[in-house]
Protein backbone atom coordinates (compact mmCIF):
# COMPACT_ATOMS: atom_id res chain seq x y z
CA MET A 1 5.96 5.18 55.43
CA SER A 2 7.48 5.38 51.99
CA ARG A 3 9.58 7.61 50.58
CA TYR A 4 8.06 10.96 49.54
CA THR A 5 7.74 11.27 46.01
CA GLY A 6 5.52 14.60 45.67
CA PRO A 7 6.40 18.10 44.55
CA ARG A 8 9.76 18.76 46.16
CA CYS A 9 8.64 22.49 46.60
CA LYS A 10 5.85 22.20 48.71
CA LEU A 11 8.52 20.09 51.27
CA CYS A 12 10.49 23.60 51.52
CA ARG A 13 7.17 25.28 51.35
CA ALA A 14 6.05 23.68 54.48
CA ALA A 15 9.09 23.92 56.36
CA GLY A 16 9.03 27.39 55.58
CA LEU A 17 12.56 27.53 54.23
CA LYS A 18 15.14 26.08 51.63
CA LEU A 19 15.89 22.66 51.85
CA TYR A 20 17.86 22.74 48.48
CA LEU A 21 15.63 19.49 46.78
CA LYS A 22 16.18 20.78 43.23
CA GLY A 23 19.50 22.03 42.51
CA THR A 24 20.07 24.79 40.77
CA ARG A 25 15.89 25.57 40.30
CA CYS A 26 16.39 26.92 44.63
CA THR A 27 19.02 29.50 43.60
CA SER A 28 16.81 30.50 40.93
CA PRO A 29 13.62 33.12 40.81
CA LYS A 30 11.58 29.80 39.85
CA CYS A 31 11.97 28.94 43.54
CA ALA A 32 8.80 28.14 45.22
CA ILE A 33 9.56 29.87 48.15
CA GLU A 34 11.06 33.17 46.25
CA ARG A 35 7.22 32.95 44.66
CA ARG A 36 5.10 31.54 47.50
CA ASN A 37 6.69 32.23 50.97
CA TYR A 38 3.59 30.45 52.85
CA ARG A 39 2.51 27.06 53.60
CA PRO A 40 1.09 25.18 50.96
CA GLY A 41 -2.41 24.24 50.99
CA GLN A 42 -6.17 26.20 50.85
CA ALA A 43 -5.44 27.44 54.61
CA GLY A 44 -1.68 28.44 53.79
CA GLN A 45 -1.54 31.84 54.50
CA ASN A 46 -3.18 31.65 57.64
CA ARG A 47 -1.54 32.50 60.83
CA ILE A 48 -1.52 29.55 62.71
CA LYS A 49 0.24 29.51 66.53
CA PRO A 50 2.16 26.38 66.21
CA SER A 51 1.69 23.44 69.44
CA GLU A 52 5.04 22.86 71.50
CA TYR A 53 4.42 19.07 69.47
CA ALA A 54 3.95 21.19 66.39
CA ILE A 55 7.20 22.76 66.69
CA ARG A 56 9.53 19.65 67.44
CA LEU A 57 7.56 17.36 64.50
CA LYS A 58 8.63 20.41 62.18
CA GLU A 59 12.09 20.16 62.81
CA LYS A 60 12.16 16.48 62.47
CA GLN A 61 10.54 16.61 59.10
CA LYS A 62 12.79 19.10 58.13
CA ALA A 63 15.79 17.01 58.68
CA ARG A 64 14.23 14.26 57.57
CA TRP A 65 13.22 15.70 54.03
CA SER A 66 16.55 17.42 53.93
CA TYR A 67 18.36 14.45 53.68
CA GLY A 68 15.55 12.05 51.44
CA MET A 69 14.87 9.58 54.11
CA THR A 70 12.04 7.67 55.07
CA GLU A 71 10.83 7.65 59.03
CA LYS A 72 11.92 4.20 60.13
CA GLN A 73 15.64 4.92 58.21
CA PHE A 74 15.41 8.41 60.22
CA ARG A 75 14.58 6.45 63.97
CA ARG A 76 17.11 4.23 63.17
CA THR A 77 19.40 6.73 62.15
CA PHE A 78 18.53 8.28 65.82
CA ALA A 79 18.77 5.29 67.34
CA ASP A 80 22.02 4.43 66.52
CA ALA A 81 22.90 8.28 67.67
CA GLY A 82 21.24 7.02 71.33
CA ARG A 83 23.74 4.23 71.64
CA ALA A 84 26.63 6.09 71.15
CA GLN A 85 28.82 8.09 73.40
CA GLY A 86 28.77 11.71 73.56
CA ASN A 87 26.01 14.47 72.56
CA THR A 88 23.06 12.28 71.28
CA GLY A 89 22.43 15.29 68.54
CA ALA A 90 25.64 16.09 67.45
CA THR A 91 26.35 12.44 66.85
CA PHE A 92 22.56 12.20 65.36
CA MET A 93 24.07 14.89 62.83
CA GLN A 94 27.31 13.81 62.28
CA LEU A 95 25.61 10.21 61.09
CA LEU A 96 23.73 11.98 58.89
CA GLU A 97 26.34 13.70 57.17
CA ARG A 98 28.36 10.37 56.90
CA ARG A 99 25.95 9.05 54.18
CA LEU A 100 27.10 8.41 50.86
CA ASP A 101 24.31 10.07 49.16
CA ASN A 102 25.18 13.23 51.22
CA VAL A 103 28.76 12.78 50.81
CA VAL A 104 28.64 12.87 46.74
CA TYR A 105 26.40 15.69 47.30
CA ARG A 106 28.47 17.87 49.66
CA LEU A 107 31.77 16.50 47.67
CA GLY A 108 29.71 18.58 44.67
CA PHE A 109 29.50 15.66 42.41
CA ALA A 110 25.91 15.99 42.40
CA LEU A 111 22.89 18.70 42.02
CA SER A 112 21.21 18.00 44.78
CA ARG A 113 21.13 14.59 47.45
CA GLN A 114 18.32 13.60 45.28
CA GLN A 115 20.03 13.19 42.53
CA ALA A 116 23.17 11.76 44.61
CA ARG A 117 21.09 8.76 46.22
CA GLN A 118 20.02 7.71 42.52
CA TRP A 119 23.47 7.82 41.18
CA VAL A 120 24.68 5.98 44.20
CA SER A 121 21.98 3.54 43.62
CA HIS A 122 22.38 3.17 40.09
CA GLY A 123 26.31 2.15 40.96
CA HIS A 124 28.00 5.39 39.68
CA PHE A 125 30.53 5.55 42.36
CA ALA A 126 32.87 3.46 44.21
CA VAL A 127 34.12 3.65 47.77
CA ASN A 128 38.16 2.22 48.03
CA GLY A 129 37.51 1.03 44.49
CA GLN A 130 35.09 -1.29 45.08
CA ARG A 131 31.16 0.12 44.09
CA VAL A 132 28.95 0.88 46.80
CA THR A 133 24.77 0.97 45.75
CA ILE A 134 23.67 1.73 49.26
CA PRO A 135 23.25 5.12 49.93
CA SER A 136 23.28 4.86 53.32
CA TYR A 137 26.44 3.47 53.37
CA ARG A 138 28.73 5.86 56.22
CA VAL A 139 31.54 6.83 55.18
CA LYS A 140 34.60 6.77 57.68
CA PRO A 141 37.89 9.32 57.60
CA GLY A 142 40.18 7.98 55.18
CA ASP A 143 37.68 6.93 52.39
CA ALA A 144 37.96 7.46 49.29
CA MET A 145 35.40 8.28 46.67
CA THR A 146 35.44 8.13 42.85
CA ALA A 147 32.74 7.65 40.07
CA MET A 148 33.45 4.84 37.95
CA PRO A 149 35.05 5.20 35.05
CA SER A 150 31.97 3.99 32.85
CA SER A 151 30.26 6.39 34.83
CA ARG A 152 32.98 9.40 34.25
CA LYS A 153 31.55 11.22 31.06
CA PHE A 154 27.77 11.21 32.33
CA VAL A 155 28.22 12.70 36.15
CA LEU A 156 30.78 15.73 33.91
CA ASP A 157 28.35 16.28 31.85
CA ASN A 158 25.58 16.77 33.83
CA LEU A 159 27.54 19.00 36.22
CA GLU A 160 28.59 21.09 33.59
CA GLY A 161 28.47 24.62 33.41
CA ILE A 162 27.66 24.53 37.42
CA THR A 163 29.04 25.87 39.73
CA ASN A 164 28.66 24.22 43.56
CA PRO A 165 29.58 25.60 47.16
CA PRO A 166 32.68 24.40 48.20
CA SER A 167 32.99 20.98 50.22
CA PRO A 168 33.47 21.73 54.31
CA LYS A 169 36.30 20.88 55.81
CA TRP A 170 36.02 17.80 56.68
CA LEU A 171 35.96 16.66 53.21
CA LEU A 172 38.78 17.02 50.59
CA SER A 173 37.41 17.18 47.29
CA ASP A 174 38.77 16.93 43.02
CA ARG A 175 36.08 17.96 41.01
CA ALA A 176 37.63 17.80 37.86
CA ASN A 177 38.63 14.38 38.52
CA LEU A 178 36.25 13.41 40.49
CA GLN A 179 37.46 12.16 43.33
CA GLY A 180 36.99 12.68 46.83
CA THR A 181 38.39 11.61 50.40
CA VAL A 182 37.19 12.21 53.81
CA VAL A 183 39.43 13.48 55.80
CA SER A 184 37.72 13.82 59.61
CA LEU A 185 34.45 13.29 61.28
CA PRO A 186 32.08 16.44 60.20
CA GLU A 187 31.82 18.77 63.45
CA ARG A 188 28.43 19.89 63.81
CA GLU A 189 29.45 24.08 62.40
CA ASP A 190 30.24 21.57 58.64
CA VAL A 191 26.31 20.66 58.59
CA ASP A 192 24.95 23.07 56.66
CA THR A 193 21.24 21.49 57.35
CA PRO A 194 18.92 24.61 59.26
CA VAL A 195 18.00 22.11 62.01
CA GLN A 196 17.77 22.54 65.30
CA GLU A 197 18.88 18.49 66.71
CA LEU A 198 17.73 19.37 70.32
CA LEU A 199 14.44 19.41 69.90
CA ILE A 200 14.67 16.54 67.05
CA VAL A 201 16.12 14.62 70.85
CA GLU A 202 12.92 16.14 72.21
CA PHE A 203 10.73 15.18 69.49
CA TYR A 204 11.84 11.27 69.65
CA SER A 205 12.35 11.42 73.90
CA ARG A 206 8.74 12.33 74.21
């Protein structure tokens, strides 16, 4: 399945909450959830009792849409979490958070994960001094992220006048110089994506 390229606001309405897919628009009165807080489509306002499968599918889709991943990428990441030791759900969320495009977003260097993914793909960021163009690249403690010298002005111009939320404790951000460091692995409480990973585990374990 290819990556979704339609209206992002429809995904938030389908999920029933803000997934912050469009940067500053999500915090403005123009946000679709603020204007039409019901499912998209002709029958969007009808009350439907979801099945157990639908509840788990929706939770999986919320996480996949939030991180902007294809189904194949998402399932592969879940398989990696299943092979690791420890709690599968917590490990899965940790692997999602460690994606380079997510880290760039969480450091405050991009307005949304979609924008961060595009900028990483275009080679605007480096990890430990080496340009990385793979959004799914997994960072590890001690890794340092910086904007490429030729991209600094471009990135800063796009962020001008925008106040991003503070970075989580597992990341150290110097937004003025577009430098960031991975201090430690993320804990479950550091994940701001509003999903219940247990339901995702149950969905893939059915």
